Amino acid sequence: MSRIGKLPVNLPKGVSVKIEDNKITVKGPLGELSRTIYKDIKVEVVDNSIVLSRPSDSKNHKSLHGLYRALIANMVTGVSTGYKKELELVGVGYRAEAKGQKLEMSLGYSHDIILELPDEVKVETKTERRSNPIITLTSIDKQLIGHVAAKIRSLRPPEPYKGKGIKFVGEQLRRKAGKSASV
């Protein structure tokens, strides 16, 4: 039995689930998410929790059992509390400014980078004196917010010598020693 798949997904107050055919729709205070589920995985709502079951112990069914349980748990968490990612711009002259759904960044290149964000992701920027600019992303879709954050980070990944670049807040970077002076 899949250790992840056999755990029920508890539904918080204010979250409702609708299952029809192979599609599950989770609706909560922050919004609504839906996903198509593989036809062999059975999804049921029992005693204010979602329970998943599989027809056999084949390798494919085992892997899908745990996968869909995790995806549904992420959907329930997203519509009830939401997800938040914070990125920090480390470097002299690095700045970021949010203009609606556009994020304008100056990252040390010869030009500014303007990134158009999906409507499901909300962006805020915070710049204070004597601290690095912070980009805050919020969304109900965990997969989408992770993809957008990774895309922003890939524009200038942190380098190992001085640590300049875009990093997640709280991320520990592996630093390298610079050149040693030979005597």
N, C-alpha and C. Protein backbone atom coordinates (compact mmCIF):
# COMPACT_ATOMS: atom_id res chain seq x y z
N MET A 1 0.84 -1.19 0.00
CA MET A 1 0.00 0.00 0.00
C MET A 1 0.88 1.24 0.00
N SER A 2 0.53 2.21 -0.78
CA SER A 2 1.26 3.46 -0.82
C SER A 2 1.07 4.19 0.51
N ARG A 3 2.18 4.52 1.15
CA ARG A 3 2.06 5.19 2.45
C ARG A 3 1.47 6.58 2.32
N ILE A 4 1.76 7.24 1.21
CA ILE A 4 1.17 8.57 0.98
C ILE A 4 -0.27 8.42 0.52
N GLY A 5 -0.51 7.51 -0.42
CA GLY A 5 -1.82 7.36 -1.03
C GLY A 5 -2.91 6.93 -0.08
N LYS A 6 -2.56 6.15 0.95
CA LYS A 6 -3.61 5.65 1.84
C LYS A 6 -4.04 6.68 2.88
N LEU A 7 -3.29 7.77 3.05
CA LEU A 7 -3.68 8.80 4.00
C LEU A 7 -4.86 9.60 3.47
N PRO A 8 -5.88 9.84 4.27
CA PRO A 8 -6.99 10.68 3.79
C PRO A 8 -6.60 12.15 3.79
N VAL A 9 -7.22 12.91 2.89
CA VAL A 9 -7.00 14.36 2.81
C VAL A 9 -8.14 15.02 3.57
N ASN A 10 -7.85 15.64 4.71
CA ASN A 10 -8.88 16.29 5.51
C ASN A 10 -9.31 17.60 4.85
N LEU A 11 -10.61 17.84 4.84
CA LEU A 11 -11.14 19.06 4.25
C LEU A 11 -11.36 20.11 5.33
N PRO A 12 -10.69 21.26 5.26
CA PRO A 12 -10.91 22.32 6.23
C PRO A 12 -12.30 22.94 6.04
N LYS A 13 -12.69 23.74 7.03
CA LYS A 13 -14.00 24.39 6.96
C LYS A 13 -14.05 25.36 5.78
N GLY A 14 -15.14 25.33 5.02
CA GLY A 14 -15.30 26.23 3.89
C GLY A 14 -14.80 25.67 2.58
N VAL A 15 -14.29 24.44 2.57
CA VAL A 15 -13.79 23.83 1.34
C VAL A 15 -14.76 22.74 0.91
N SER A 16 -15.18 22.80 -0.36
CA SER A 16 -16.10 21.79 -0.89
C SER A 16 -15.46 21.09 -2.08
N VAL A 17 -15.85 19.82 -2.28
CA VAL A 17 -15.28 19.01 -3.34
C VAL A 17 -16.40 18.47 -4.21
N LYS A 18 -16.19 18.53 -5.53
CA LYS A 18 -17.16 17.97 -6.47
C LYS A 18 -16.42 17.01 -7.38
N ILE A 19 -16.90 15.75 -7.46
CA ILE A 19 -16.26 14.74 -8.27
C ILE A 19 -17.26 14.27 -9.32
N GLU A 20 -16.88 14.40 -10.60
CA GLU A 20 -17.72 13.87 -11.67
C GLU A 20 -16.80 13.29 -12.73
N ASP A 21 -17.08 12.03 -13.08
CA ASP A 21 -16.28 11.24 -14.01
C ASP A 21 -14.83 11.20 -13.52
N ASN A 22 -13.90 11.70 -14.29
CA ASN A 22 -12.48 11.69 -13.90
C ASN A 22 -11.99 13.07 -13.51
N LYS A 23 -12.89 13.96 -13.15
CA LYS A 23 -12.50 15.33 -12.83
C LYS A 23 -12.89 15.67 -11.40
N ILE A 24 -11.95 16.22 -10.64
CA ILE A 24 -12.21 16.66 -9.28
C ILE A 24 -12.08 18.18 -9.24
N THR A 25 -13.04 18.83 -8.61
CA THR A 25 -13.04 20.29 -8.48
C THR A 25 -13.08 20.62 -7.00
N VAL A 26 -12.11 21.40 -6.55
CA VAL A 26 -12.03 21.81 -5.15
C VAL A 26 -12.29 23.31 -5.09
N LYS A 27 -13.27 23.70 -4.29
CA LYS A 27 -13.65 25.11 -4.18
C LYS A 27 -13.48 25.54 -2.73
N GLY A 28 -12.86 26.69 -2.52
CA GLY A 28 -12.63 27.20 -1.17
C GLY A 28 -12.73 28.70 -1.13
N PRO A 29 -12.38 29.30 0.01
CA PRO A 29 -12.50 30.75 0.16
C PRO A 29 -11.59 31.56 -0.78
N LEU A 30 -10.47 30.98 -1.21
CA LEU A 30 -9.54 31.73 -2.07
C LEU A 30 -9.77 31.50 -3.56
N GLY A 31 -10.53 30.47 -3.92
CA GLY A 31 -10.76 30.23 -5.34
C GLY A 31 -11.15 28.79 -5.61
N GLU A 32 -10.97 28.39 -6.85
CA GLU A 32 -11.39 27.07 -7.30
C GLU A 32 -10.31 26.46 -8.18
N LEU A 33 -9.99 25.18 -7.95
CA LEU A 33 -9.02 24.44 -8.76
C LEU A 33 -9.65 23.14 -9.21
N SER A 34 -9.31 22.69 -10.41
CA SER A 34 -9.82 21.40 -10.88
C SER A 34 -8.70 20.65 -11.58
N ARG A 35 -8.82 19.32 -11.58
CA ARG A 35 -7.80 18.46 -12.16
C ARG A 35 -8.45 17.19 -12.67
N THR A 36 -7.96 16.70 -13.78
CA THR A 36 -8.42 15.42 -14.32
C THR A 36 -7.57 14.31 -13.71
N ILE A 37 -8.25 13.25 -13.28
CA ILE A 37 -7.58 12.15 -12.59
C ILE A 37 -7.61 10.92 -13.47
N TYR A 38 -6.56 10.12 -13.40
CA TYR A 38 -6.46 8.87 -14.14
C TYR A 38 -7.66 7.99 -13.83
N LYS A 39 -8.21 7.34 -14.86
CA LYS A 39 -9.51 6.67 -14.74
C LYS A 39 -9.54 5.52 -13.73
N ASP A 40 -8.41 4.87 -13.46
CA ASP A 40 -8.41 3.72 -12.54
C ASP A 40 -8.39 4.13 -11.07
N ILE A 41 -7.97 5.34 -10.75
CA ILE A 41 -7.90 5.79 -9.35
C ILE A 41 -9.29 6.26 -8.94
N LYS A 42 -9.82 5.69 -7.86
CA LYS A 42 -11.15 6.04 -7.36
C LYS A 42 -11.01 7.09 -6.26
N VAL A 43 -11.81 8.15 -6.36
CA VAL A 43 -11.80 9.24 -5.38
C VAL A 43 -13.18 9.32 -4.74
N GLU A 44 -13.22 9.33 -3.40
CA GLU A 44 -14.49 9.41 -2.67
C GLU A 44 -14.35 10.41 -1.54
N VAL A 45 -15.47 11.06 -1.20
CA VAL A 45 -15.51 11.94 -0.03
C VAL A 45 -16.21 11.17 1.08
N VAL A 46 -15.46 10.91 2.18
CA VAL A 46 -15.98 10.14 3.31
C VAL A 46 -15.71 10.92 4.59
N ASP A 47 -16.76 11.25 5.34
CA ASP A 47 -16.62 11.92 6.65
C ASP A 47 -15.73 13.16 6.58
N ASN A 48 -16.02 14.07 5.68
CA ASN A 48 -15.30 15.33 5.56
C ASN A 48 -13.81 15.14 5.24
N SER A 49 -13.49 14.07 4.52
CA SER A 49 -12.14 13.86 4.03
C SER A 49 -12.19 13.14 2.69
N ILE A 50 -11.14 13.27 1.92
CA ILE A 50 -11.06 12.65 0.59
C ILE A 50 -10.21 11.40 0.72
N VAL A 51 -10.73 10.28 0.21
CA VAL A 51 -10.03 9.00 0.27
C VAL A 51 -9.82 8.50 -1.16
N LEU A 52 -8.58 8.08 -1.47
CA LEU A 52 -8.27 7.55 -2.79
C LEU A 52 -8.00 6.06 -2.68
N SER A 53 -8.39 5.31 -3.70
CA SER A 53 -8.12 3.87 -3.74
C SER A 53 -7.71 3.47 -5.14
N ARG A 54 -6.98 2.36 -5.24
CA ARG A 54 -6.52 1.87 -6.54
C ARG A 54 -6.98 0.44 -6.74
N PRO A 55 -7.12 0.00 -8.00
CA PRO A 55 -7.67 -1.33 -8.25
C PRO A 55 -6.68 -2.47 -8.03
N SER A 56 -5.38 -2.24 -8.24
CA SER A 56 -4.41 -3.33 -8.12
C SER A 56 -3.12 -2.81 -7.52
N ASP A 57 -2.17 -3.71 -7.32
CA ASP A 57 -0.86 -3.33 -6.77
C ASP A 57 0.21 -3.25 -7.84
N SER A 58 -0.18 -2.96 -9.07
CA SER A 58 0.82 -2.81 -10.12
C SER A 58 1.63 -1.54 -9.85
N LYS A 59 2.83 -1.52 -10.40
CA LYS A 59 3.74 -0.40 -10.16
C LYS A 59 3.12 0.93 -10.61
N ASN A 60 2.45 0.92 -11.74
CA ASN A 60 1.82 2.13 -12.27
C ASN A 60 0.72 2.62 -11.32
N HIS A 61 -0.13 1.72 -10.86
CA HIS A 61 -1.22 2.12 -9.97
C HIS A 61 -0.69 2.63 -8.63
N LYS A 62 0.36 2.00 -8.14
CA LYS A 62 0.95 2.46 -6.86
C LYS A 62 1.48 3.88 -6.98
N SER A 63 2.20 4.15 -8.07
CA SER A 63 2.79 5.48 -8.23
C SER A 63 1.71 6.55 -8.43
N LEU A 64 0.67 6.23 -9.21
CA LEU A 64 -0.41 7.20 -9.43
C LEU A 64 -1.23 7.43 -8.18
N HIS A 65 -1.35 6.41 -7.33
CA HIS A 65 -2.11 6.53 -6.08
C HIS A 65 -1.51 7.62 -5.20
N GLY A 66 -0.21 7.55 -4.97
CA GLY A 66 0.46 8.55 -4.14
C GLY A 66 0.51 9.91 -4.81
N LEU A 67 0.70 9.92 -6.13
CA LEU A 67 0.78 11.17 -6.87
C LEU A 67 -0.52 11.96 -6.76
N TYR A 68 -1.64 11.32 -7.05
CA TYR A 68 -2.91 12.04 -7.04
C TYR A 68 -3.33 12.44 -5.63
N ARG A 69 -2.95 11.65 -4.63
CA ARG A 69 -3.25 12.05 -3.25
C ARG A 69 -2.49 13.33 -2.92
N ALA A 70 -1.22 13.41 -3.31
CA ALA A 70 -0.42 14.61 -3.05
C ALA A 70 -0.95 15.81 -3.82
N LEU A 71 -1.35 15.61 -5.08
CA LEU A 71 -1.87 16.71 -5.89
C LEU A 71 -3.19 17.25 -5.32
N ILE A 72 -4.06 16.34 -4.86
CA ILE A 72 -5.34 16.77 -4.27
C ILE A 72 -5.09 17.49 -2.95
N ALA A 73 -4.13 17.00 -2.16
CA ALA A 73 -3.80 17.68 -0.89
C ALA A 73 -3.29 19.09 -1.17
N ASN A 74 -2.49 19.26 -2.21
CA ASN A 74 -1.99 20.59 -2.59
C ASN A 74 -3.12 21.50 -3.05
N MET A 75 -4.11 20.93 -3.76
CA MET A 75 -5.25 21.72 -4.19
C MET A 75 -6.06 22.20 -2.99
N VAL A 76 -6.29 21.31 -2.02
CA VAL A 76 -7.07 21.68 -0.83
C VAL A 76 -6.34 22.76 -0.03
N THR A 77 -5.04 22.61 0.14
CA THR A 77 -4.25 23.63 0.85
C THR A 77 -4.27 24.96 0.10
N GLY A 78 -4.19 24.90 -1.22
CA GLY A 78 -4.17 26.11 -2.03
C GLY A 78 -5.45 26.92 -1.93
N VAL A 79 -6.62 26.26 -2.00
CA VAL A 79 -7.87 27.01 -1.97
C VAL A 79 -8.24 27.43 -0.55
N SER A 80 -7.61 26.82 0.47
CA SER A 80 -7.93 27.22 1.85
C SER A 80 -6.96 28.25 2.40
N THR A 81 -5.65 28.06 2.23
CA THR A 81 -4.67 29.00 2.77
C THR A 81 -3.82 29.69 1.70
N GLY A 82 -3.60 29.03 0.57
CA GLY A 82 -2.80 29.62 -0.50
C GLY A 82 -1.32 29.33 -0.32
N TYR A 83 -0.54 29.68 -1.32
CA TYR A 83 0.90 29.48 -1.29
C TYR A 83 1.61 30.81 -1.50
N LYS A 84 2.81 30.91 -0.93
CA LYS A 84 3.57 32.15 -1.00
C LYS A 84 5.04 31.81 -1.19
N LYS A 85 5.69 32.47 -2.14
CA LYS A 85 7.13 32.31 -2.38
C LYS A 85 7.76 33.69 -2.36
N GLU A 86 8.90 33.79 -1.72
CA GLU A 86 9.63 35.06 -1.66
C GLU A 86 11.01 34.87 -2.28
N LEU A 87 11.37 35.80 -3.16
CA LEU A 87 12.68 35.79 -3.80
C LEU A 87 13.41 37.07 -3.42
N GLU A 88 14.71 36.94 -3.23
CA GLU A 88 15.54 38.07 -2.81
C GLU A 88 16.56 38.37 -3.91
N LEU A 89 16.69 39.64 -4.28
CA LEU A 89 17.65 40.05 -5.29
C LEU A 89 18.91 40.55 -4.58
N VAL A 90 20.00 39.80 -4.72
CA VAL A 90 21.26 40.13 -4.06
C VAL A 90 22.22 40.66 -5.11
N GLY A 91 22.60 41.91 -4.99
CA GLY A 91 23.54 42.48 -5.93
C GLY A 91 23.38 44.00 -5.98
N VAL A 92 24.47 44.69 -6.26
CA VAL A 92 24.45 46.14 -6.31
C VAL A 92 23.67 46.58 -7.55
N GLY A 93 22.67 47.43 -7.37
CA GLY A 93 21.90 47.94 -8.48
C GLY A 93 20.77 47.04 -8.92
N TYR A 94 20.60 45.89 -8.30
CA TYR A 94 19.48 45.01 -8.66
C TYR A 94 18.21 45.60 -8.07
N ARG A 95 17.17 45.68 -8.88
CA ARG A 95 15.90 46.19 -8.39
C ARG A 95 14.76 45.49 -9.11
N ALA A 96 13.58 45.57 -8.49
CA ALA A 96 12.38 44.97 -9.08
C ALA A 96 11.21 45.88 -8.80
N GLU A 97 10.29 45.94 -9.76
CA GLU A 97 9.09 46.77 -9.61
C GLU A 97 7.92 46.04 -10.26
N ALA A 98 6.82 45.95 -9.51
CA ALA A 98 5.61 45.30 -10.03
C ALA A 98 4.68 46.36 -10.58
N LYS A 99 4.22 46.12 -11.81
CA LYS A 99 3.24 47.02 -12.44
C LYS A 99 2.09 46.15 -12.92
N GLY A 100 1.12 45.93 -12.03
CA GLY A 100 0.01 45.04 -12.36
C GLY A 100 0.50 43.61 -12.43
N GLN A 101 0.33 42.96 -13.58
CA GLN A 101 0.79 41.60 -13.77
C GLN A 101 2.15 41.55 -14.48
N LYS A 102 2.83 42.69 -14.57
CA LYS A 102 4.16 42.74 -15.16
C LYS A 102 5.18 42.99 -14.07
N LEU A 103 6.28 42.28 -14.15
CA LEU A 103 7.38 42.44 -13.21
C LEU A 103 8.57 42.96 -13.99
N GLU A 104 9.02 44.17 -13.62
CA GLU A 104 10.15 44.80 -14.30
C GLU A 104 11.36 44.71 -13.39
N MET A 105 12.43 44.10 -13.89
CA MET A 105 13.63 43.88 -13.08
C MET A 105 14.86 44.41 -13.78
N SER A 106 15.75 44.97 -12.97
CA SER A 106 17.06 45.38 -13.44
C SER A 106 18.07 44.47 -12.74
N LEU A 107 18.71 43.59 -13.52
CA LEU A 107 19.56 42.54 -12.94
C LEU A 107 21.01 42.61 -13.39
N GLY A 108 21.47 43.79 -13.76
CA GLY A 108 22.87 43.93 -14.15
C GLY A 108 23.13 43.67 -15.61
N TYR A 109 22.09 43.41 -16.39
CA TYR A 109 22.26 43.26 -17.83
C TYR A 109 22.20 44.65 -18.47
N SER A 110 22.43 44.72 -19.78
CA SER A 110 22.40 46.00 -20.47
C SER A 110 20.97 46.52 -20.65
N HIS A 111 19.97 45.68 -20.33
CA HIS A 111 18.58 46.06 -20.50
C HIS A 111 17.77 45.57 -19.31
N ASP A 112 16.62 46.18 -19.10
CA ASP A 112 15.71 45.71 -18.06
C ASP A 112 14.93 44.51 -18.59
N ILE A 113 14.55 43.63 -17.67
CA ILE A 113 13.78 42.44 -18.03
C ILE A 113 12.35 42.65 -17.57
N ILE A 114 11.41 42.53 -18.50
CA ILE A 114 9.99 42.65 -18.17
C ILE A 114 9.36 41.28 -18.35
N LEU A 115 8.76 40.78 -17.26
CA LEU A 115 8.17 39.45 -17.25
C LEU A 115 6.67 39.56 -17.06
N GLU A 116 5.90 38.99 -17.99
CA GLU A 116 4.44 38.97 -17.90
C GLU A 116 4.04 37.74 -17.08
N LEU A 117 3.33 37.95 -15.98
CA LEU A 117 2.96 36.85 -15.09
C LEU A 117 1.52 36.41 -15.36
N PRO A 118 1.21 35.13 -15.11
CA PRO A 118 -0.17 34.65 -15.28
C PRO A 118 -1.12 35.35 -14.31
N ASP A 119 -2.40 35.38 -14.66
CA ASP A 119 -3.39 36.06 -13.82
C ASP A 119 -3.56 35.39 -12.46
N GLU A 120 -3.28 34.08 -12.36
CA GLU A 120 -3.46 33.36 -11.10
C GLU A 120 -2.40 33.70 -10.06
N VAL A 121 -1.29 34.31 -10.49
CA VAL A 121 -0.19 34.64 -9.59
C VAL A 121 -0.20 36.13 -9.31
N LYS A 122 -0.24 36.51 -8.04
CA LYS A 122 -0.17 37.91 -7.63
C LYS A 122 1.27 38.21 -7.22
N VAL A 123 1.76 39.38 -7.61
CA VAL A 123 3.15 39.74 -7.32
C VAL A 123 3.19 41.05 -6.55
N GLU A 124 4.09 41.11 -5.58
CA GLU A 124 4.36 42.34 -4.83
C GLU A 124 5.87 42.48 -4.72
N THR A 125 6.34 43.72 -4.72
CA THR A 125 7.76 43.95 -4.52
C THR A 125 7.95 44.88 -3.34
N LYS A 126 9.03 44.66 -2.62
CA LYS A 126 9.32 45.49 -1.45
C LYS A 126 10.79 45.87 -1.52
N THR A 127 11.05 47.18 -1.50
CA THR A 127 12.41 47.67 -1.52
C THR A 127 12.58 48.65 -0.37
N GLU A 128 13.45 48.31 0.55
CA GLU A 128 13.75 49.19 1.68
C GLU A 128 15.21 49.59 1.61
N ARG A 129 15.50 50.73 2.21
CA ARG A 129 16.89 51.19 2.23
C ARG A 129 17.76 50.21 3.01
N ARG A 130 18.96 50.00 2.51
CA ARG A 130 19.95 49.14 3.15
C ARG A 130 19.54 47.68 3.24
N SER A 131 18.63 47.24 2.37
CA SER A 131 18.28 45.82 2.31
C SER A 131 18.01 45.43 0.86
N ASN A 132 18.07 44.16 0.60
CA ASN A 132 17.87 43.66 -0.76
C ASN A 132 16.39 43.72 -1.13
N PRO A 133 16.09 44.00 -2.40
CA PRO A 133 14.69 43.96 -2.84
C PRO A 133 14.11 42.56 -2.72
N ILE A 134 12.83 42.47 -2.35
CA ILE A 134 12.16 41.17 -2.18
C ILE A 134 10.96 41.13 -3.12
N ILE A 135 10.83 40.02 -3.86
CA ILE A 135 9.67 39.77 -4.72
C ILE A 135 8.83 38.73 -4.02
N THR A 136 7.55 39.02 -3.77
CA THR A 136 6.64 38.09 -3.11
C THR A 136 5.58 37.64 -4.11
N LEU A 137 5.51 36.32 -4.32
CA LEU A 137 4.51 35.73 -5.21
C LEU A 137 3.48 34.99 -4.38
N THR A 138 2.20 35.17 -4.65
CA THR A 138 1.14 34.43 -3.97
C THR A 138 0.20 33.86 -5.01
N SER A 139 -0.28 32.63 -4.73
CA SER A 139 -1.20 31.95 -5.64
C SER A 139 -1.86 30.79 -4.91
N ILE A 140 -2.91 30.24 -5.52
CA ILE A 140 -3.55 29.06 -4.96
C ILE A 140 -3.03 27.79 -5.63
N ASP A 141 -2.32 27.92 -6.74
CA ASP A 141 -1.81 26.77 -7.49
C ASP A 141 -0.33 26.58 -7.18
N LYS A 142 0.00 25.50 -6.46
CA LYS A 142 1.37 25.26 -6.03
C LYS A 142 2.31 25.03 -7.21
N GLN A 143 1.87 24.28 -8.20
CA GLN A 143 2.69 23.98 -9.35
C GLN A 143 3.00 25.25 -10.15
N LEU A 144 2.01 26.09 -10.36
CA LEU A 144 2.19 27.31 -11.14
C LEU A 144 3.11 28.30 -10.43
N ILE A 145 2.93 28.48 -9.12
CA ILE A 145 3.76 29.44 -8.39
C ILE A 145 5.21 28.95 -8.35
N GLY A 146 5.42 27.65 -8.23
CA GLY A 146 6.78 27.10 -8.26
C GLY A 146 7.44 27.30 -9.61
N HIS A 147 6.67 27.13 -10.67
CA HIS A 147 7.19 27.31 -12.03
C HIS A 147 7.57 28.77 -12.28
N VAL A 148 6.72 29.70 -11.85
CA VAL A 148 6.99 31.13 -12.04
C VAL A 148 8.21 31.55 -11.22
N ALA A 149 8.29 31.08 -9.97
CA ALA A 149 9.43 31.42 -9.12
C ALA A 149 10.74 30.87 -9.71
N ALA A 150 10.70 29.67 -10.25
CA ALA A 150 11.89 29.08 -10.86
C ALA A 150 12.29 29.85 -12.12
N LYS A 151 11.30 30.32 -12.87
CA LYS A 151 11.59 31.11 -14.07
C LYS A 151 12.27 32.43 -13.71
N ILE A 152 11.76 33.09 -12.66
CA ILE A 152 12.37 34.35 -12.22
C ILE A 152 13.79 34.11 -11.73
N ARG A 153 13.98 33.04 -10.95
CA ARG A 153 15.31 32.72 -10.42
C ARG A 153 16.29 32.39 -11.54
N SER A 154 15.81 31.77 -12.63
CA SER A 154 16.70 31.38 -13.72
C SER A 154 17.24 32.57 -14.51
N LEU A 155 16.63 33.75 -14.36
CA LEU A 155 17.10 34.94 -15.07
C LEU A 155 18.48 35.37 -14.57
N ARG A 156 18.77 35.14 -13.29
CA ARG A 156 20.08 35.45 -12.72
C ARG A 156 20.29 34.54 -11.51
N PRO A 157 20.66 33.26 -11.71
CA PRO A 157 20.84 32.37 -10.57
C PRO A 157 22.00 32.84 -9.70
N PRO A 158 21.97 32.56 -8.39
CA PRO A 158 23.05 33.02 -7.52
C PRO A 158 24.37 32.34 -7.86
N GLU A 159 25.42 33.14 -7.89
CA GLU A 159 26.73 32.56 -8.21
C GLU A 159 27.45 32.21 -6.91
N PRO A 160 28.35 31.23 -6.92
CA PRO A 160 28.89 30.68 -5.68
C PRO A 160 29.99 31.50 -5.00
N TYR A 161 30.53 32.52 -5.65
CA TYR A 161 31.65 33.24 -5.06
C TYR A 161 31.21 34.42 -4.20
N LYS A 162 30.37 35.30 -4.73
CA LYS A 162 29.88 36.43 -3.95
C LYS A 162 28.43 36.26 -3.52
N GLY A 163 27.71 35.31 -4.13
CA GLY A 163 26.32 35.08 -3.79
C GLY A 163 25.36 36.02 -4.50
N LYS A 164 25.85 36.73 -5.53
CA LYS A 164 24.98 37.66 -6.26
C LYS A 164 24.00 36.89 -7.13
N GLY A 165 22.79 37.41 -7.25
CA GLY A 165 21.78 36.79 -8.10
C GLY A 165 20.44 36.79 -7.40
N ILE A 166 19.50 36.01 -7.93
CA ILE A 166 18.16 35.90 -7.33
C ILE A 166 18.10 34.59 -6.57
N LYS A 167 17.77 34.67 -5.30
CA LYS A 167 17.66 33.46 -4.48
C LYS A 167 16.36 33.49 -3.70
N PHE A 168 15.93 32.30 -3.27
CA PHE A 168 14.76 32.22 -2.42
C PHE A 168 15.12 32.72 -1.03
N VAL A 169 14.18 33.38 -0.35
CA VAL A 169 14.44 33.86 1.00
C VAL A 169 14.63 32.64 1.89
N GLY A 170 15.73 32.62 2.63
CA GLY A 170 16.03 31.49 3.51
C GLY A 170 16.86 30.41 2.85
N GLU A 171 17.14 30.54 1.56
CA GLU A 171 17.93 29.51 0.86
C GLU A 171 19.39 29.59 1.28
N GLN A 172 19.98 28.44 1.58
CA GLN A 172 21.39 28.38 1.94
C GLN A 172 22.20 28.10 0.67
N LEU A 173 23.12 28.98 0.35
CA LEU A 173 23.93 28.82 -0.85
C LEU A 173 25.26 28.18 -0.47
N ARG A 174 25.77 27.32 -1.34
CA ARG A 174 27.11 26.76 -1.13
C ARG A 174 28.10 27.76 -1.68
N ARG A 175 28.92 28.29 -0.81
CA ARG A 175 29.89 29.30 -1.21
C ARG A 175 31.24 28.65 -1.47
N LYS A 176 31.97 29.20 -2.45
CA LYS A 176 33.31 28.71 -2.76
C LYS A 176 34.33 29.75 -2.32
N ALA A 177 35.51 29.28 -1.99
CA ALA A 177 36.60 30.20 -1.67
C ALA A 177 37.14 30.76 -2.97
N GLY A 178 37.59 32.00 -2.92
CA GLY A 178 38.16 32.62 -4.11
C GLY A 178 39.59 32.14 -4.35
N LYS A 179 40.29 32.82 -5.23
CA LYS A 179 41.68 32.43 -5.53
C LYS A 179 42.55 32.69 -4.31
N SER A 180 43.46 31.79 -4.07
CA SER A 180 44.43 31.98 -2.97
C SER A 180 45.65 32.68 -3.54
N ALA A 181 46.14 33.64 -2.78
CA ALA A 181 47.35 34.35 -3.22
C ALA A 181 48.55 33.47 -2.96
N SER A 182 49.34 33.22 -3.98
CA SER A 182 50.55 32.38 -3.81
C SER A 182 51.70 33.28 -3.42
N VAL A 183 52.49 32.80 -2.50
CA VAL A 183 53.60 33.60 -1.99
C VAL A 183 54.90 32.98 -2.37
